């Protein structure tokens, strides 16, 4: 097995500005319009974006875009990985309920490795999508407060709590959340 090196990635976002044009009577748009949910979701995604410390098994075990090789063909990534754009890339989505925001950050690996030798376990495989879920409780402030972080990798789900209200239920709490500012560290 190759020695593990660590690649530190701070997820950043390049978000396009959204402009909304509206015509109204003599009232100010700010006085009559609700906050823009798209802008709020982008703010939440940036505010709670995780800091990722990725252990790598080789120089080919990176987090990058699904279309890193530019062809959208999924079964040629082994061959194209050495020549593709391996810039760090993370997908995100926000799901909102009355009480919480659930922030999903998805991480794609063109090649993925387990800690076991490939030839012994079949642990090396093409096209792997893993995730980090950040659970934020609405508390009347603009960005709420972080309650928990859940990770999914190689069929294993781990729950990390920061809020004492997150208890031992169906999923065992694996530990507490480490933070760098408002960003959970995974």
Protein backbone atom coordinates (compact mmCIF):
# COMPACT_ATOMS: atom_id res chain seq x y z
CA UNK A 1 0.00 0.00 0.00
CA UNK A 2 1.19 3.49 -0.76
CA UNK A 3 1.75 5.78 2.23
CA UNK A 4 -1.11 8.18 2.81
CA UNK A 5 -0.54 11.84 2.11
CA UNK A 6 -3.02 14.49 3.09
CA UNK A 7 -4.56 17.05 0.81
CA UNK A 8 -6.27 19.90 2.63
CA UNK A 9 -9.16 21.43 0.76
CA UNK A 10 -11.22 24.33 1.96
CA UNK A 11 -14.38 24.32 -0.04
CA UNK A 12 -14.87 27.65 -1.71
CA UNK A 13 -17.62 28.91 -3.90
CA UNK A 14 -17.69 31.10 -6.94
CA UNK A 15 -21.28 32.15 -6.97
CA UNK A 16 -22.81 34.26 -9.67
CA UNK A 17 -24.77 37.27 -8.54
CA UNK A 18 -28.47 37.09 -9.05
CA UNK A 19 -30.42 40.15 -10.09
CA UNK A 20 -34.14 40.39 -9.78
CA UNK A 21 -35.92 43.21 -11.57
CA UNK A 22 -39.37 44.19 -10.47
CA UNK A 23 -41.85 46.92 -11.04
CA UNK A 24 -43.94 48.18 -8.20
CA UNK A 25 -46.07 51.06 -7.10
CA UNK A 26 -44.65 53.66 -4.75
CA UNK A 27 -43.44 51.12 -2.17
CA UNK A 28 -39.88 50.02 -1.75
CA UNK A 29 -39.18 46.47 -3.02
CA UNK A 30 -37.32 45.69 0.22
CA UNK A 31 -40.43 46.52 2.23
CA UNK A 32 -42.70 44.13 0.33
CA UNK A 33 -40.48 41.24 -0.80
CA UNK A 34 -39.48 38.24 1.26
CA UNK A 35 -35.78 37.43 1.51
CA UNK A 36 -34.40 35.69 -1.57
CA UNK A 37 -34.22 31.96 -0.66
CA UNK A 38 -31.56 31.25 -3.32
CA UNK A 39 -29.25 33.90 -1.87
CA UNK A 40 -29.92 32.64 1.67
CA UNK A 41 -29.11 29.06 0.64
CA UNK A 42 -25.85 30.22 -0.97
CA UNK A 43 -24.96 32.16 2.20
CA UNK A 44 -25.66 29.07 4.31
CA UNK A 45 -23.61 26.83 2.00
CA UNK A 46 -20.66 29.23 2.22
CA UNK A 47 -20.98 29.86 5.95
CA UNK A 48 -20.99 26.16 6.87
CA UNK A 49 -18.83 24.78 4.01
CA UNK A 50 -16.69 22.04 5.53
CA UNK A 51 -12.91 22.06 5.66
CA UNK A 52 -11.91 18.71 4.16
CA UNK A 53 -8.74 16.85 5.09
CA UNK A 54 -8.56 14.13 2.44
CA UNK A 55 -6.26 11.19 2.93
CA UNK A 56 -5.08 10.04 -0.49
CA UNK A 57 -3.79 6.62 -1.48
CA UNK A 58 -2.12 7.89 -4.65
CA UNK A 59 -1.79 10.97 -6.82
CA UNK A 60 -5.02 9.85 -8.51
CA UNK A 61 -7.29 9.88 -5.43
CA UNK A 62 -8.63 13.44 -5.61
CA UNK A 63 -11.96 15.18 -5.11
CA UNK A 64 -12.90 16.76 -8.43
CA UNK A 65 -15.75 17.41 -10.88
CA UNK A 66 -17.82 14.55 -12.31
CA UNK A 67 -16.95 15.87 -15.78
CA UNK A 68 -13.24 16.36 -14.94
CA UNK A 69 -12.21 14.85 -18.29
CA UNK A 70 -14.70 16.86 -20.35
CA UNK A 71 -16.63 14.00 -21.93
CA UNK A 72 -19.40 12.98 -19.46
CA UNK A 73 -18.58 9.30 -20.07
CA UNK A 74 -18.31 7.54 -16.73
CA UNK A 75 -16.62 4.30 -17.70
CA UNK A 76 -13.41 5.83 -19.09
CA UNK A 77 -12.28 7.74 -16.01
CA UNK A 78 -9.46 5.30 -15.20
CA UNK A 79 -7.91 6.02 -18.59
CA UNK A 80 -8.61 9.78 -18.62
CA UNK A 81 -7.81 10.60 -15.01
CA UNK A 82 -4.10 11.37 -15.53
CA UNK A 83 -4.94 13.95 -18.22
CA UNK A 84 -8.13 15.48 -16.77
CA UNK A 85 -8.57 18.69 -14.80
CA UNK A 86 -8.24 17.55 -11.20
CA UNK A 87 -9.06 20.91 -9.63
CA UNK A 88 -10.96 20.52 -6.36
CA UNK A 89 -14.71 20.62 -6.91
CA UNK A 90 -17.62 20.08 -4.56
CA UNK A 91 -21.34 19.94 -5.32
CA UNK A 92 -23.85 21.25 -2.82
CA UNK A 93 -27.57 21.49 -2.28
CA UNK A 94 -29.76 22.91 0.48
CA UNK A 95 -33.02 21.40 1.70
CA UNK A 96 -35.15 23.54 3.98
CA UNK A 97 -37.86 22.54 6.46
CA UNK A 98 -39.75 24.69 8.96
CA UNK A 99 -37.17 23.94 11.65
CA UNK A 100 -33.88 23.13 9.85
CA UNK A 101 -31.61 23.55 6.86
CA UNK A 102 -29.89 20.40 5.59
CA UNK A 103 -26.76 21.26 3.62
CA UNK A 104 -25.45 18.46 1.39
CA UNK A 105 -21.91 18.59 0.03
CA UNK A 106 -21.12 15.84 -2.50
CA UNK A 107 -17.57 14.79 -3.28
CA UNK A 108 -16.66 12.91 -6.48
CA UNK A 109 -13.56 10.74 -6.94
CA UNK A 110 -12.77 9.54 -10.49
CA UNK A 111 -10.72 6.80 -8.83
CA UNK A 112 -11.27 5.77 -5.26
CA UNK A 113 -9.29 3.55 -2.97
CA UNK A 114 -9.88 1.83 0.33
CA UNK A 115 -7.17 1.13 2.88
CA UNK A 116 -6.89 -2.45 1.62
CA UNK A 117 -4.80 -3.53 -1.40
CA UNK A 118 -6.88 -3.37 -4.59
CA UNK A 119 -5.97 -6.84 -5.76
CA UNK A 120 -7.09 -8.39 -2.43
CA UNK A 121 -10.40 -6.64 -1.89
CA UNK A 122 -11.60 -4.96 -5.06
CA UNK A 123 -11.57 -1.80 -2.93
CA UNK A 124 -10.32 0.33 -5.78
CA UNK A 125 -13.10 1.45 -8.05
CA UNK A 126 -14.03 3.97 -10.66
CA UNK A 127 -16.55 6.77 -9.97
CA UNK A 128 -17.24 7.28 -6.30
CA UNK A 129 -19.58 9.91 -4.83
CA UNK A 130 -19.33 10.52 -1.10
CA UNK A 131 -20.97 13.19 1.02
CA UNK A 132 -21.04 15.46 4.02
CA UNK A 133 -24.40 16.57 5.44
CA UNK A 134 -24.46 19.61 7.72
CA UNK A 135 -27.59 20.00 9.88
CA UNK A 136 -28.40 23.58 10.90
CA UNK A 137 -31.28 24.44 13.25
CA UNK A 138 -33.27 27.59 12.56
CA UNK A 139 -33.11 29.76 15.66
CA UNK A 140 -34.33 33.17 14.54
CA UNK A 141 -30.88 34.35 13.46
CA UNK A 142 -30.02 34.67 9.79
CA UNK A 143 -27.85 31.56 9.60
CA UNK A 144 -29.13 29.41 12.47
CA UNK A 145 -26.82 27.21 14.52
CA UNK A 146 -24.96 24.03 13.65
CA UNK A 147 -26.35 20.91 15.31
CA UNK A 148 -24.60 18.00 13.65
CA UNK A 149 -22.52 16.74 10.75
CA UNK A 150 -23.01 13.41 9.05
CA UNK A 151 -20.55 11.82 6.63
CA UNK A 152 -20.96 8.98 4.14
CA UNK A 153 -17.95 7.12 2.78
CA UNK A 154 -17.61 3.50 1.64
CA UNK A 155 -21.05 2.48 2.93
CA UNK A 156 -20.30 3.92 6.38
CA UNK A 157 -22.34 6.74 7.89
CA UNK A 158 -20.86 8.67 10.79
CA UNK A 159 -22.70 11.23 12.93
CA UNK A 160 -20.86 14.02 14.77
CA UNK A 161 -22.75 16.28 17.16
CA UNK A 162 -22.11 19.81 18.32
CA UNK A 163 -25.52 20.47 19.89
CA UNK A 164 -26.27 18.47 23.07
CA UNK A 165 -29.85 17.92 21.85
CA UNK A 166 -28.49 15.46 19.26
CA UNK A 167 -28.59 12.15 21.08
CA UNK A 168 -28.07 8.46 20.61
CA UNK A 169 -30.92 7.32 18.40
CA UNK A 170 -30.90 5.00 15.40
CA UNK A 171 -27.46 6.31 14.44
CA UNK A 172 -24.77 6.29 17.12
CA UNK A 173 -22.99 9.60 17.67
CA UNK A 174 -19.35 9.01 16.66
CA UNK A 175 -17.94 12.13 18.30
CA UNK A 176 -18.06 15.89 18.43
CA UNK A 177 -17.65 18.37 15.58
CA UNK A 178 -14.35 20.18 15.20
CA UNK A 179 -14.70 23.70 13.80
CA UNK A 180 -12.55 26.23 12.00
CA UNK A 181 -14.66 29.32 12.54
CA UNK A 182 -18.14 28.32 11.37
CA UNK A 183 -16.77 25.51 9.16
CA UNK A 184 -16.91 21.89 10.36
CA UNK A 185 -13.68 19.96 9.81
CA UNK A 186 -14.00 16.54 8.20
